[in-house]
Amino acid sequence: MSRTDSSTIDHARIAEVISRVVGSFVARGQLRSDEADDVRSTVTLRVLRQFEEGIGDLRSVDDYVARMAINAATDVLRGPVSIP
C-alpha cells in the first residue's frame, strides 16, 4: 500500500471507472441518463476532493472510486430522504 495524493491521480482512469460503474446501473434500467450524469459529476467531485485532502493508504484506487460510485448511485435509487 502506498500513500495516494493528488499528484498521482490519473483523471482519465477515474472517469473510466465511474463511467463503467454508472453505466451498469443505466444498462439495468436502474438510472436514467440524467441521473447517471448527476452521479458521475457528484462522484468525480467527491473523489477529487478526497484526493486533494489526502486519503492515506489505498490498496486500489479503482476499487475506492468504484465503491464511491456504487454508493452514490444507490443513494439516487433510494430517493430523497426526508428528515422528520
N, C-alpha and C. Protein backbone atom coordinates (compact mmCIF):
# COMPACT_ATOMS: atom_id res chain seq x y z
N MET A 1 0.84 -1.18 0.00
CA MET A 1 0.00 0.00 0.00
C MET A 1 0.88 1.24 0.00
N SER A 2 0.44 2.23 -0.73
CA SER A 2 1.21 3.45 -0.78
C SER A 2 0.29 4.65 -0.61
N ARG A 3 0.86 5.73 -0.17
CA ARG A 3 0.08 6.94 0.03
C ARG A 3 -0.37 7.48 -1.32
N THR A 4 -1.64 7.82 -1.40
CA THR A 4 -2.20 8.36 -2.63
C THR A 4 -2.46 9.84 -2.43
N ASP A 5 -1.92 10.66 -3.32
CA ASP A 5 -2.17 12.09 -3.23
C ASP A 5 -2.57 12.62 -4.60
N SER A 6 -2.93 13.89 -4.64
CA SER A 6 -3.48 14.47 -5.87
C SER A 6 -2.48 14.51 -7.02
N SER A 7 -1.19 14.41 -6.73
CA SER A 7 -0.20 14.47 -7.81
C SER A 7 -0.08 13.15 -8.55
N THR A 8 -0.62 12.07 -7.98
CA THR A 8 -0.51 10.76 -8.61
C THR A 8 -1.83 10.26 -9.20
N ILE A 9 -2.81 11.13 -9.29
CA ILE A 9 -4.14 10.72 -9.73
C ILE A 9 -4.24 10.74 -11.25
N ASP A 10 -4.74 9.66 -11.81
CA ASP A 10 -4.99 9.55 -13.24
C ASP A 10 -6.47 9.88 -13.47
N HIS A 11 -6.73 11.11 -13.87
CA HIS A 11 -8.11 11.59 -14.02
C HIS A 11 -8.88 10.80 -15.06
N ALA A 12 -8.23 10.41 -16.12
CA ALA A 12 -8.91 9.62 -17.16
C ALA A 12 -9.32 8.26 -16.61
N ARG A 13 -8.46 7.66 -15.80
CA ARG A 13 -8.78 6.36 -15.20
C ARG A 13 -9.95 6.49 -14.24
N ILE A 14 -9.98 7.54 -13.44
CA ILE A 14 -11.09 7.78 -12.52
C ILE A 14 -12.39 7.90 -13.31
N ALA A 15 -12.38 8.68 -14.37
CA ALA A 15 -13.58 8.86 -15.19
C ALA A 15 -14.03 7.54 -15.81
N GLU A 16 -13.07 6.72 -16.22
CA GLU A 16 -13.38 5.42 -16.82
C GLU A 16 -14.06 4.50 -15.81
N VAL A 17 -13.54 4.45 -14.59
CA VAL A 17 -14.12 3.60 -13.55
C VAL A 17 -15.53 4.07 -13.21
N ILE A 18 -15.69 5.37 -13.03
CA ILE A 18 -17.01 5.92 -12.72
C ILE A 18 -18.00 5.61 -13.83
N SER A 19 -17.60 5.82 -15.07
CA SER A 19 -18.50 5.56 -16.21
C SER A 19 -18.88 4.09 -16.30
N ARG A 20 -17.94 3.21 -16.03
CA ARG A 20 -18.22 1.77 -16.09
C ARG A 20 -19.26 1.39 -15.03
N VAL A 21 -19.07 1.88 -13.82
CA VAL A 21 -19.99 1.54 -12.73
C VAL A 21 -21.37 2.15 -12.99
N VAL A 22 -21.40 3.42 -13.31
CA VAL A 22 -22.68 4.09 -13.53
C VAL A 22 -23.37 3.51 -14.77
N GLY A 23 -22.59 3.18 -15.78
CA GLY A 23 -23.15 2.57 -16.98
C GLY A 23 -23.86 1.25 -16.70
N SER A 24 -23.36 0.50 -15.73
CA SER A 24 -24.02 -0.76 -15.39
C SER A 24 -25.39 -0.52 -14.76
N PHE A 25 -25.53 0.56 -14.00
CA PHE A 25 -26.84 0.92 -13.44
C PHE A 25 -27.80 1.36 -14.55
N VAL A 26 -27.27 2.09 -15.53
CA VAL A 26 -28.10 2.53 -16.66
C VAL A 26 -28.52 1.33 -17.50
N ALA A 27 -27.60 0.44 -17.77
CA ALA A 27 -27.88 -0.74 -18.60
C ALA A 27 -28.97 -1.62 -17.98
N ARG A 28 -29.01 -1.67 -16.66
CA ARG A 28 -30.05 -2.47 -15.98
C ARG A 28 -31.35 -1.71 -15.82
N GLY A 29 -31.38 -0.46 -16.31
CA GLY A 29 -32.60 0.35 -16.21
C GLY A 29 -32.85 0.92 -14.84
N GLN A 30 -31.82 0.97 -14.01
CA GLN A 30 -31.98 1.47 -12.65
C GLN A 30 -31.79 2.98 -12.55
N LEU A 31 -31.03 3.55 -13.48
CA LEU A 31 -30.81 5.00 -13.51
C LEU A 31 -31.15 5.53 -14.89
N ARG A 32 -31.78 6.70 -14.91
CA ARG A 32 -31.99 7.41 -16.17
C ARG A 32 -30.68 8.12 -16.53
N SER A 33 -30.58 8.56 -17.76
CA SER A 33 -29.33 9.19 -18.20
C SER A 33 -29.06 10.49 -17.43
N ASP A 34 -30.10 11.25 -17.10
CA ASP A 34 -29.88 12.49 -16.34
C ASP A 34 -29.41 12.18 -14.92
N GLU A 35 -29.93 11.12 -14.33
CA GLU A 35 -29.48 10.71 -13.01
C GLU A 35 -28.03 10.22 -13.07
N ALA A 36 -27.71 9.48 -14.14
CA ALA A 36 -26.34 8.99 -14.31
C ALA A 36 -25.35 10.14 -14.43
N ASP A 37 -25.73 11.18 -15.17
CA ASP A 37 -24.87 12.36 -15.29
C ASP A 37 -24.63 13.00 -13.93
N ASP A 38 -25.69 13.10 -13.13
CA ASP A 38 -25.56 13.68 -11.79
C ASP A 38 -24.64 12.84 -10.92
N VAL A 39 -24.78 11.53 -10.99
CA VAL A 39 -23.93 10.64 -10.19
C VAL A 39 -22.48 10.78 -10.63
N ARG A 40 -22.24 10.80 -11.94
CA ARG A 40 -20.85 10.96 -12.43
C ARG A 40 -20.23 12.24 -11.90
N SER A 41 -20.97 13.33 -11.98
CA SER A 41 -20.45 14.62 -11.51
C SER A 41 -20.19 14.61 -10.02
N THR A 42 -21.15 14.09 -9.27
CA THR A 42 -21.01 14.04 -7.82
C THR A 42 -19.81 13.22 -7.40
N VAL A 43 -19.68 12.04 -7.98
CA VAL A 43 -18.57 11.15 -7.60
C VAL A 43 -17.23 11.76 -8.00
N THR A 44 -17.16 12.33 -9.18
CA THR A 44 -15.92 12.97 -9.62
C THR A 44 -15.49 14.04 -8.64
N LEU A 45 -16.42 14.90 -8.25
CA LEU A 45 -16.08 15.96 -7.30
C LEU A 45 -15.66 15.39 -5.94
N ARG A 46 -16.39 14.39 -5.47
CA ARG A 46 -16.06 13.78 -4.17
C ARG A 46 -14.67 13.13 -4.19
N VAL A 47 -14.39 12.40 -5.26
CA VAL A 47 -13.10 11.71 -5.36
C VAL A 47 -11.96 12.72 -5.41
N LEU A 48 -12.10 13.72 -6.26
CA LEU A 48 -11.03 14.71 -6.38
C LEU A 48 -10.84 15.48 -5.07
N ARG A 49 -11.93 15.78 -4.39
CA ARG A 49 -11.83 16.47 -3.10
C ARG A 49 -11.10 15.59 -2.08
N GLN A 50 -11.46 14.31 -2.05
CA GLN A 50 -10.81 13.39 -1.13
C GLN A 50 -9.32 13.27 -1.41
N PHE A 51 -8.95 13.16 -2.68
CA PHE A 51 -7.54 13.04 -3.03
C PHE A 51 -6.79 14.33 -2.73
N GLU A 52 -7.45 15.45 -2.91
CA GLU A 52 -6.82 16.74 -2.60
C GLU A 52 -6.50 16.83 -1.11
N GLU A 53 -7.41 16.32 -0.28
CA GLU A 53 -7.20 16.34 1.17
C GLU A 53 -6.21 15.28 1.61
N GLY A 54 -5.98 14.29 0.76
CA GLY A 54 -5.09 13.18 1.12
C GLY A 54 -5.87 12.09 1.81
N ILE A 55 -5.99 10.96 1.18
CA ILE A 55 -6.82 9.89 1.73
C ILE A 55 -6.00 8.77 2.35
N GLY A 56 -4.71 8.91 2.36
CA GLY A 56 -3.89 7.90 3.02
C GLY A 56 -3.60 6.71 2.13
N ASP A 57 -3.47 5.57 2.75
CA ASP A 57 -3.10 4.35 2.05
C ASP A 57 -4.32 3.68 1.41
N LEU A 58 -4.16 3.31 0.17
CA LEU A 58 -5.21 2.58 -0.55
C LEU A 58 -4.59 1.36 -1.20
N ARG A 59 -5.29 0.28 -1.18
CA ARG A 59 -4.84 -0.90 -1.92
C ARG A 59 -5.12 -0.71 -3.40
N SER A 60 -6.27 -0.10 -3.71
CA SER A 60 -6.66 0.07 -5.10
C SER A 60 -7.49 1.34 -5.27
N VAL A 61 -6.98 2.27 -6.04
CA VAL A 61 -7.74 3.49 -6.33
C VAL A 61 -9.00 3.13 -7.10
N ASP A 62 -8.89 2.19 -8.04
CA ASP A 62 -10.06 1.77 -8.81
C ASP A 62 -11.17 1.26 -7.91
N ASP A 63 -10.84 0.42 -6.94
CA ASP A 63 -11.84 -0.11 -6.03
C ASP A 63 -12.48 0.99 -5.20
N TYR A 64 -11.66 1.93 -4.75
CA TYR A 64 -12.16 3.05 -3.95
C TYR A 64 -13.15 3.90 -4.76
N VAL A 65 -12.76 4.22 -5.99
CA VAL A 65 -13.62 5.03 -6.86
C VAL A 65 -14.89 4.26 -7.21
N ALA A 66 -14.77 2.98 -7.51
CA ALA A 66 -15.94 2.18 -7.84
C ALA A 66 -16.91 2.13 -6.67
N ARG A 67 -16.41 1.95 -5.47
CA ARG A 67 -17.28 1.90 -4.28
C ARG A 67 -18.00 3.24 -4.09
N MET A 68 -17.29 4.34 -4.30
CA MET A 68 -17.94 5.66 -4.19
C MET A 68 -19.04 5.80 -5.23
N ALA A 69 -18.80 5.33 -6.44
CA ALA A 69 -19.81 5.41 -7.50
C ALA A 69 -21.02 4.54 -7.18
N ILE A 70 -20.78 3.34 -6.68
CA ILE A 70 -21.89 2.46 -6.30
C ILE A 70 -22.71 3.10 -5.19
N ASN A 71 -22.04 3.64 -4.20
CA ASN A 71 -22.75 4.29 -3.09
C ASN A 71 -23.59 5.47 -3.57
N ALA A 72 -23.04 6.29 -4.46
CA ALA A 72 -23.78 7.45 -4.96
C ALA A 72 -24.97 7.02 -5.79
N ALA A 73 -24.80 6.00 -6.63
CA ALA A 73 -25.92 5.51 -7.45
C ALA A 73 -27.00 4.92 -6.56
N THR A 74 -26.60 4.19 -5.53
CA THR A 74 -27.57 3.61 -4.60
C THR A 74 -28.33 4.70 -3.86
N ASP A 75 -27.66 5.79 -3.51
CA ASP A 75 -28.33 6.91 -2.86
C ASP A 75 -29.44 7.47 -3.76
N VAL A 76 -29.17 7.56 -5.05
CA VAL A 76 -30.18 8.05 -6.01
C VAL A 76 -31.36 7.08 -6.06
N LEU A 77 -31.06 5.78 -6.08
CA LEU A 77 -32.12 4.78 -6.13
C LEU A 77 -33.02 4.83 -4.89
N ARG A 78 -32.44 5.14 -3.77
CA ARG A 78 -33.23 5.24 -2.52
C ARG A 78 -34.16 6.44 -2.54
N GLY A 79 -33.83 7.45 -3.30
CA GLY A 79 -34.65 8.65 -3.37
C GLY A 79 -34.32 9.64 -2.27
N PRO A 80 -35.02 10.75 -2.30
CA PRO A 80 -34.75 11.80 -1.31
C PRO A 80 -35.08 11.32 0.10
N VAL A 81 -34.30 11.79 1.02
CA VAL A 81 -34.50 11.45 2.44
C VAL A 81 -35.19 12.63 3.11
N SER A 82 -36.32 12.33 3.74
CA SER A 82 -36.99 13.40 4.48
C SER A 82 -36.69 13.24 5.96
N ILE A 83 -36.32 14.32 6.57
CA ILE A 83 -35.98 14.31 7.99
C ILE A 83 -37.21 14.81 8.76
N PRO A 84 -37.70 13.98 9.67
CA PRO A 84 -38.92 14.36 10.41
C PRO A 84 -38.71 15.55 11.31
